[in-house]
Protein backbone atom coordinates (compact mmCIF):
# COMPACT_ATOMS: atom_id res chain seq x y z
CA MET A 1 80.90 23.23 88.50
CA LEU A 2 81.78 19.90 87.94
CA LYS A 3 78.68 18.09 89.43
CA LEU A 4 76.76 20.52 87.13
CA ARG A 5 78.05 18.80 84.09
CA LYS A 6 77.76 15.50 85.00
CA PHE A 7 74.04 16.25 86.08
CA ASN A 8 73.29 17.58 82.48
CA LEU A 9 75.04 14.55 80.73
CA ALA A 10 72.92 11.93 82.80
CA MET A 11 69.83 13.63 82.04
CA SER A 12 70.97 13.78 77.92
CA LEU A 13 71.70 10.53 78.47
CA ILE A 14 68.02 9.41 79.80
CA VAL A 15 66.37 11.48 76.74
CA SER A 16 68.42 9.67 74.39
CA LEU A 17 67.26 6.31 76.03
CA SER A 18 63.58 7.50 76.53
CA LEU A 19 63.33 8.60 72.60
CA LEU A 20 64.94 5.12 71.51
CA ALA A 21 62.50 3.33 73.43
CA GLY A 22 59.74 5.38 72.04
CA CYS A 23 60.44 4.69 68.34
CA SER A 24 60.59 0.72 69.39
CA LEU A 25 57.33 1.22 70.59
CA ILE A 26 55.44 2.32 67.41
CA PRO A 27 54.65 -0.42 64.71
CA ALA A 28 56.63 -1.05 61.62
CA GLU A 29 54.45 0.62 58.48
CA GLU A 30 52.94 -2.68 56.63
CA GLU A 31 53.52 -2.83 52.85
CA PRO A 32 50.84 -2.56 50.53
CA LEU A 33 48.76 -5.77 49.40
CA LYS A 34 49.12 -6.31 45.86
CA PRO A 35 45.68 -6.55 43.84
CA PRO A 36 45.10 -10.07 43.14
CA LEU A 37 46.07 -11.38 39.38
CA VAL A 38 42.40 -11.80 37.84
CA LYS A 39 42.50 -14.13 34.31
CA PRO A 40 40.45 -11.66 32.08
CA ALA A 41 37.27 -13.31 30.85
CA GLU A 42 36.71 -14.11 27.08
CA GLN A 43 35.02 -12.52 25.05
CA ASN A 44 31.82 -14.23 23.85
CA TYR A 45 30.79 -13.33 20.20
CA SER A 46 27.18 -14.15 18.33
CA THR A 47 28.86 -15.53 15.10
CA ASP A 48 27.77 -17.44 12.00
CA GLU A 49 29.74 -19.46 9.14
CA VAL A 50 29.95 -17.84 5.29
CA LYS A 51 27.43 -20.23 3.32
CA MET A 52 27.16 -20.83 -0.25
CA GLY A 53 23.29 -20.51 -1.56
CA ASP A 54 20.74 -18.93 -3.74
CA ILE A 55 19.11 -15.28 -3.12
CA ARG A 56 16.42 -13.18 -4.46
CA ARG A 57 15.28 -9.67 -3.90
CA GLU A 58 11.48 -9.95 -4.67
CA VAL A 59 8.31 -7.58 -4.25
CA LYS A 60 5.87 -9.67 -2.06
CA GLY A 61 2.81 -8.29 -0.68
CA SER A 62 -1.37 -8.83 -0.26
CA GLY A 63 -3.73 -7.52 -2.87
CA VAL A 64 -7.17 -8.16 -4.07
CA PHE A 65 -8.83 -9.52 -7.61
CA GLU A 66 -10.90 -6.92 -9.26
CA SER A 67 -12.51 -6.93 -12.49
CA THR A 68 -11.05 -5.48 -15.77
CA ALA A 69 -14.56 -4.45 -17.35
CA SER A 70 -16.68 -1.97 -15.49
CA GLU A 71 -18.50 1.25 -15.88
CA LEU A 72 -18.64 4.48 -14.00
CA ALA A 73 -22.32 5.81 -13.26
CA GLN A 74 -22.37 9.72 -13.70
CA PHE A 75 -24.30 12.46 -14.55
CA LYS A 76 -22.61 14.05 -17.78
CA SER A 77 -24.42 16.78 -18.96
CA GLN A 78 -25.92 17.96 -15.97
CA GLY A 79 -25.98 18.43 -11.80
CA GLY A 80 -28.70 18.53 -9.23
CA ARG A 81 -30.17 17.25 -6.19
CA LEU A 82 -30.28 13.37 -5.64
CA LYS A 83 -33.62 12.28 -5.68
CA LYS A 84 -32.53 8.50 -5.06
CA LEU A 85 -29.98 5.84 -5.13
CA TYR A 86 -31.93 2.81 -6.10
CA VAL A 87 -28.64 0.09 -5.44
CA SER A 88 -26.19 -0.85 -2.85
CA SER A 89 -22.61 -2.19 -3.02
CA GLY A 90 -23.17 -6.04 -4.00
CA ASP A 91 -26.44 -5.57 -5.78
CA GLU A 92 -26.22 -7.70 -9.09
CA VAL A 93 -27.55 -5.47 -11.55
CA LYS A 94 -28.52 -5.89 -15.49
CA LYS A 95 -28.32 -3.54 -18.41
CA GLY A 96 -31.08 -0.82 -18.24
CA ASP A 97 -31.50 -1.28 -14.43
CA LEU A 98 -32.19 2.26 -12.90
CA LEU A 99 -29.38 2.92 -10.79
CA ALA A 100 -29.97 6.80 -9.82
CA GLU A 101 -32.40 9.74 -10.24
CA LEU A 102 -31.71 13.51 -9.80
CA VAL A 103 -34.71 15.96 -8.78
CA VAL A 104 -36.30 17.72 -11.56
CA ASP A 105 -38.69 20.50 -9.79
CA GLY A 106 -42.20 20.36 -11.75
CA LEU A 107 -41.22 17.94 -14.25
CA ASP A 108 -43.97 15.31 -13.32
CA VAL A 109 -46.53 18.04 -13.36
CA GLN A 110 -45.25 19.80 -16.66
CA THR A 111 -45.21 16.07 -18.40
CA LEU A 112 -49.13 15.38 -17.22
CA GLU A 113 -49.78 18.61 -18.67
CA GLN A 114 -47.73 17.92 -21.87
CA LYS A 115 -49.90 14.63 -21.78
CA LEU A 116 -53.22 16.51 -21.64
CA GLY A 117 -52.25 18.92 -24.62
CA LEU A 118 -51.19 15.81 -26.41
CA GLU A 119 -54.62 14.38 -26.20
CA ARG A 120 -56.17 17.61 -27.08
CA ALA A 121 -54.18 17.70 -30.19
CA GLU A 122 -55.54 14.02 -31.28
CA TYR A 123 -59.12 15.14 -30.51
CA ALA A 124 -58.82 18.17 -32.28
CA LEU A 125 -57.58 16.51 -35.76
CA LYS A 126 -60.16 13.78 -35.22
CA GLN A 127 -62.88 16.86 -35.02
CA ALA A 128 -61.20 18.32 -38.28
CA LYS A 129 -61.37 14.74 -40.19
CA GLN A 130 -64.84 14.80 -39.56
CA ALA A 131 -65.60 18.07 -40.47
CA GLY A 132 -63.84 17.09 -43.74
CA ASN A 133 -61.93 20.72 -43.97
CA GLU A 134 -58.41 20.12 -45.36
CA GLN A 135 -56.93 23.35 -43.99
CA GLU A 136 -58.14 22.31 -40.41
CA ILE A 137 -57.06 19.02 -40.95
CA HIS A 138 -53.18 20.32 -41.83
CA ILE A 139 -53.42 22.66 -38.65
CA ALA A 140 -54.38 20.17 -36.67
CA GLN A 141 -51.67 17.54 -37.71
CA LEU A 142 -49.23 20.02 -37.27
CA GLN A 143 -50.16 21.09 -33.86
CA LEU A 144 -50.28 17.19 -33.21
CA GLU A 145 -46.52 17.13 -34.00
CA ILE A 146 -45.72 20.07 -31.89
CA GLU A 147 -47.61 18.39 -28.68
CA LYS A 148 -45.78 15.05 -29.37
CA LEU A 149 -42.33 17.17 -29.89
CA LYS A 150 -42.97 18.86 -26.47
CA LEU A 151 -43.56 15.92 -24.76
CA ASP A 152 -40.58 13.79 -26.21
CA LYS A 153 -38.40 16.86 -24.95
CA LEU A 154 -39.99 16.35 -21.30
CA GLU A 155 -39.56 12.53 -21.30
CA GLN A 156 -35.88 13.25 -22.62
CA THR A 157 -35.39 15.49 -19.50
CA ALA A 158 -36.64 13.08 -17.34
CA GLU A 159 -34.42 10.43 -18.61
CA GLN A 160 -31.37 12.71 -18.51
CA SER A 161 -32.14 12.97 -14.80
CA LYS A 162 -31.71 8.84 -14.56
CA LEU A 163 -28.61 6.90 -14.58
CA ARG A 164 -28.86 3.31 -15.71
CA ALA A 165 -26.60 0.27 -16.10
CA THR A 166 -25.07 -0.34 -18.95
CA MET A 167 -24.13 -3.82 -18.34
CA ASN A 168 -24.58 -6.77 -16.44
CA GLY A 169 -22.50 -6.91 -13.22
CA GLN A 170 -22.37 -6.28 -9.73
CA VAL A 171 -22.31 -2.91 -7.81
CA VAL A 172 -18.77 -2.87 -6.23
CA PHE A 173 -19.11 1.15 -5.44
CA VAL A 174 -21.88 3.52 -4.31
CA GLU A 175 -21.08 7.24 -3.46
CA GLU A 176 -22.49 8.12 0.25
CA LEU A 177 -25.12 10.97 -0.53
CA ALA A 178 -28.27 11.40 1.27
CA GLU A 179 -31.91 12.28 -0.63
CA GLY A 180 -31.31 16.05 -1.35
CA ASP A 181 -27.46 16.30 -1.89
CA PHE A 182 -25.83 18.30 -4.70
CA VAL A 183 -24.70 15.95 -7.35
CA GLN A 184 -21.97 17.83 -9.47
CA PRO A 185 -21.52 17.02 -13.27
CA TYR A 186 -19.16 13.73 -13.84
CA GLN A 187 -19.23 12.66 -10.39
CA THR A 188 -19.10 9.21 -9.89
CA LEU A 189 -21.88 7.98 -8.06
CA VAL A 190 -22.09 4.16 -8.86
CA ARG A 191 -19.29 1.88 -10.42
CA VAL A 192 -20.42 -1.67 -11.80
CA ALA A 193 -18.23 -4.17 -12.81
CA ASP A 194 -18.33 -7.60 -14.30
CA PRO A 195 -17.34 -10.56 -11.74
CA SER A 196 -16.67 -13.09 -14.59
CA LYS A 197 -13.54 -11.19 -15.71
CA LEU A 198 -10.82 -10.76 -12.69
CA ARG A 199 -7.28 -9.74 -12.60
CA PHE A 200 -5.15 -9.18 -9.47
CA SER A 201 -4.29 -6.06 -8.36
CA TYR A 202 -1.65 -5.23 -5.48
CA ARG A 203 -1.65 -1.86 -3.93
CA SER A 204 1.52 -0.77 -2.18
CA SER A 205 1.74 1.74 0.37
CA ASP A 206 5.27 2.50 -0.56
CA ALA A 207 5.26 3.22 -4.11
CA GLY A 208 8.99 3.36 -4.48
CA SER A 209 9.04 -0.30 -3.52
CA ILE A 210 7.31 -1.79 -6.82
CA GLY A 211 9.31 0.92 -8.96
CA GLU A 212 11.59 -1.80 -10.41
CA VAL A 213 8.59 -4.14 -11.70
CA GLN A 214 7.92 -4.27 -15.19
CA VAL A 215 5.48 -5.31 -17.54
CA GLY A 216 5.85 -8.93 -18.26
CA MET A 217 7.62 -10.13 -15.31
CA ASN A 218 6.35 -13.34 -13.63
CA ALA A 219 4.11 -13.27 -10.76
CA VAL A 220 3.21 -16.20 -8.76
CA ILE A 221 -0.25 -15.67 -6.61
CA SER A 222 -1.50 -17.74 -3.84
CA ALA A 223 -4.30 -17.81 -1.29
CA GLY A 224 -4.63 -20.27 1.65
CA LYS A 225 -3.05 -23.86 1.57
CA ASN A 226 -4.63 -24.94 -1.75
CA TYR A 227 -4.11 -22.48 -4.18
CA GLU A 228 -0.87 -21.04 -6.57
CA SER A 229 -1.04 -19.67 -10.11
CA THR A 230 1.46 -18.09 -12.28
CA GLY A 231 0.56 -15.19 -13.92
CA LYS A 232 2.54 -11.71 -15.49
CA VAL A 233 2.50 -8.30 -14.42
CA VAL A 234 0.33 -6.00 -17.13
CA GLN A 235 0.32 -2.87 -15.97
CA THR A 236 2.65 -0.92 -13.28
CA PRO A 237 2.65 2.81 -12.31
CA SER A 238 5.03 3.82 -15.26
CA SER A 239 3.14 2.04 -17.56
CA ALA A 240 -0.30 3.14 -16.67
CA PRO A 241 -2.55 5.05 -18.59
CA LEU A 242 -2.77 8.87 -18.20
CA THR A 243 -6.14 10.12 -15.96
CA THR A 244 -7.33 13.21 -15.14
CA ASP A 245 -9.49 11.63 -12.28
CA PRO A 246 -7.28 12.51 -9.06
CA ASP A 247 -8.32 9.18 -7.39
CA LEU A 248 -7.47 6.99 -10.04
CA LYS A 249 -4.46 8.76 -10.69
CA ALA A 250 -3.12 7.80 -7.19
CA LYS A 251 -4.50 4.50 -7.31
CA TYR A 252 -2.24 3.65 -10.62
CA GLY A 253 0.52 5.46 -8.92
CA SER A 254 0.95 2.74 -6.46
CA THR A 255 -0.47 -0.42 -8.07
CA LEU A 256 0.84 -3.31 -9.84
CA TYR A 257 -1.71 -5.52 -12.13
CA VAL A 258 -1.35 -9.31 -12.64
CA ASN A 259 -3.32 -11.30 -15.15
CA VAL A 260 -3.60 -14.38 -13.62
CA ASP A 261 -3.16 -17.91 -15.57
CA LYS A 262 -5.83 -19.70 -13.56
CA LEU A 263 -8.22 -18.32 -10.90
CA PRO A 264 -9.48 -19.80 -7.67
CA GLU A 265 -12.53 -21.55 -8.18
CA ASP A 266 -14.25 -19.15 -5.63
CA ALA A 267 -12.66 -16.17 -7.00
CA GLU A 268 -14.87 -12.99 -6.72
CA ILE A 269 -14.57 -9.06 -7.18
CA GLY A 270 -12.78 -8.48 -3.51
CA SER A 271 -11.00 -11.93 -2.63
CA SER A 272 -7.70 -11.63 -1.21
CA ALA A 273 -4.35 -13.32 -2.41
CA ASN A 274 -0.43 -12.90 -2.09
CA VAL A 275 1.76 -11.91 -4.65
CA SER A 276 5.52 -12.58 -4.99
CA ILE A 277 7.42 -10.72 -7.81
CA VAL A 278 10.99 -11.70 -8.17
CA LEU A 279 13.08 -8.76 -9.08
CA VAL A 280 16.50 -10.54 -9.16
CA GLU A 281 18.19 -13.94 -8.25
CA HIS A 282 21.52 -15.15 -7.96
CA LYS A 283 22.68 -18.80 -7.79
CA ASN A 284 25.05 -20.37 -5.80
CA ALA A 285 26.07 -17.06 -4.30
CA VAL A 286 28.34 -16.11 -1.03
CA LEU A 287 25.83 -15.17 1.83
CA ILE A 288 26.03 -13.82 5.16
CA PRO A 289 23.28 -12.96 7.48
CA LYS A 290 21.99 -9.46 7.20
CA SER A 291 22.87 -8.59 11.10
CA GLY A 292 26.53 -9.54 10.29
CA LEU A 293 27.22 -6.64 7.56
CA ARG A 294 28.59 -2.99 8.67
CA SER A 295 28.80 0.18 7.83
CA TYR A 296 30.90 3.33 9.06
CA LEU A 297 32.20 6.31 7.54
CA GLY A 298 31.73 5.05 3.88
CA ARG A 299 33.04 1.88 4.75
CA THR A 300 31.26 -1.42 4.36
CA PHE A 301 32.97 -4.42 5.96
CA VAL A 302 32.53 -7.45 8.08
CA ARG A 303 34.42 -8.69 11.61
CA VAL A 304 35.69 -12.05 10.75
CA LEU A 305 37.03 -14.31 13.29
CA ASP A 306 40.11 -16.27 12.87
CA GLY A 307 40.79 -18.30 15.98
CA LYS A 308 40.64 -15.71 18.66
CA ALA A 309 41.75 -13.13 16.39
CA LEU A 310 39.21 -10.67 15.47
CA ARG A 311 39.97 -8.54 12.11
CA GLU A 312 37.71 -6.34 10.10
CA VAL A 313 37.16 -7.05 6.25
CA ASP A 314 35.93 -4.65 3.34
CA VAL A 315 33.64 -6.41 1.32
CA GLU A 316 31.49 -5.79 -1.73
CA VAL A 317 27.84 -6.52 -1.54
CA GLY A 318 25.53 -7.65 -4.07
CA ILE A 319 21.42 -8.40 -3.60
CA GLN A 320 20.19 -8.04 -0.27
CA SER A 321 16.96 -9.84 1.04
CA SER A 322 15.08 -9.29 4.17
CA THR A 323 17.42 -11.61 6.28
CA GLU A 324 20.64 -12.10 4.13
CA VAL A 325 23.38 -10.39 1.81
CA GLU A 326 25.18 -11.53 -1.09
CA ILE A 327 29.06 -10.97 -0.68
CA VAL A 328 30.54 -10.31 -4.06
CA ARG A 329 34.10 -9.76 -2.81
CA GLY A 330 35.77 -10.09 0.07
CA LEU A 331 35.00 -13.43 1.52
CA LYS A 332 34.86 -17.12 1.33
CA GLU A 333 32.52 -20.06 2.07
CA GLY A 334 33.30 -21.53 5.74
CA GLN A 335 34.67 -17.91 7.29
CA THR A 336 33.26 -17.30 10.76
CA ILE A 337 31.66 -13.89 11.11
CA VAL A 338 30.65 -11.45 13.93
CA LEU A 339 26.85 -10.61 14.03
CA ASN A 340 25.88 -7.37 15.24
């Protein structure tokens, strides 16, 4: 029994030593590496400086010279099939020149027949005078007057089928029609203009952009490197005359007209030029680039950089041009702002 106890004690000691030896063979757990300390990168901003200067809001664009004196050639008393257009755009015409003509069925034959009837009446009167019969002479005279009136009426009908120029000038418009096409009464077939009486016309694709222009405002007209002249606005959409012509109404609704003080030497109908009309201008104003202005939830503000500190400053805006903004309140000259 004593031997058994000694054996168990010896075995327990061996097991304990084995466990201690096994633990010494397991490597100790390493401490986790700390992340390296990285210096944060400095924020780079696109900036500009608040400055003082002049700013203006203006209407700018390109237009053409057009005549102030023109006529619209229309058949007013009747319509009909087109016989022929006798002119083309760019043609020079004189008062009385034939522009267009309508077909009048059978008119040529009727006119010839009536001329024949007139000659017969003249011959009958001659015979009556030779016979010396006063009654026959009287009847022949009346018949002659009737034949003359008939011929006059046919000739008037023929003339009403023709459009003639009522002024000297240049053809600036011809309707695209073929022979035989139907022409409505009051349809404009030809427009003739006086090339010696010119003004500048600027038609905007955005009628709202010229809504602030008023009659009497100064304008500058320029073309190329060697021409520049002043002028005055003489007609705007709000001052345009009333018209029932839909095309003319649309044109007047988006067009400015300027009387130019000195026309270019080579000016002609259709010549192009540029126009500038100042709507409002402020001198010595506080200015920033337009890209520095921000808006959010009803706020208008800029980001100002003071050293390394960045702060938002609410501002009040004045005139805005295509590139700059006037700051009425909130900034002063020399401050640095962050651009978008």
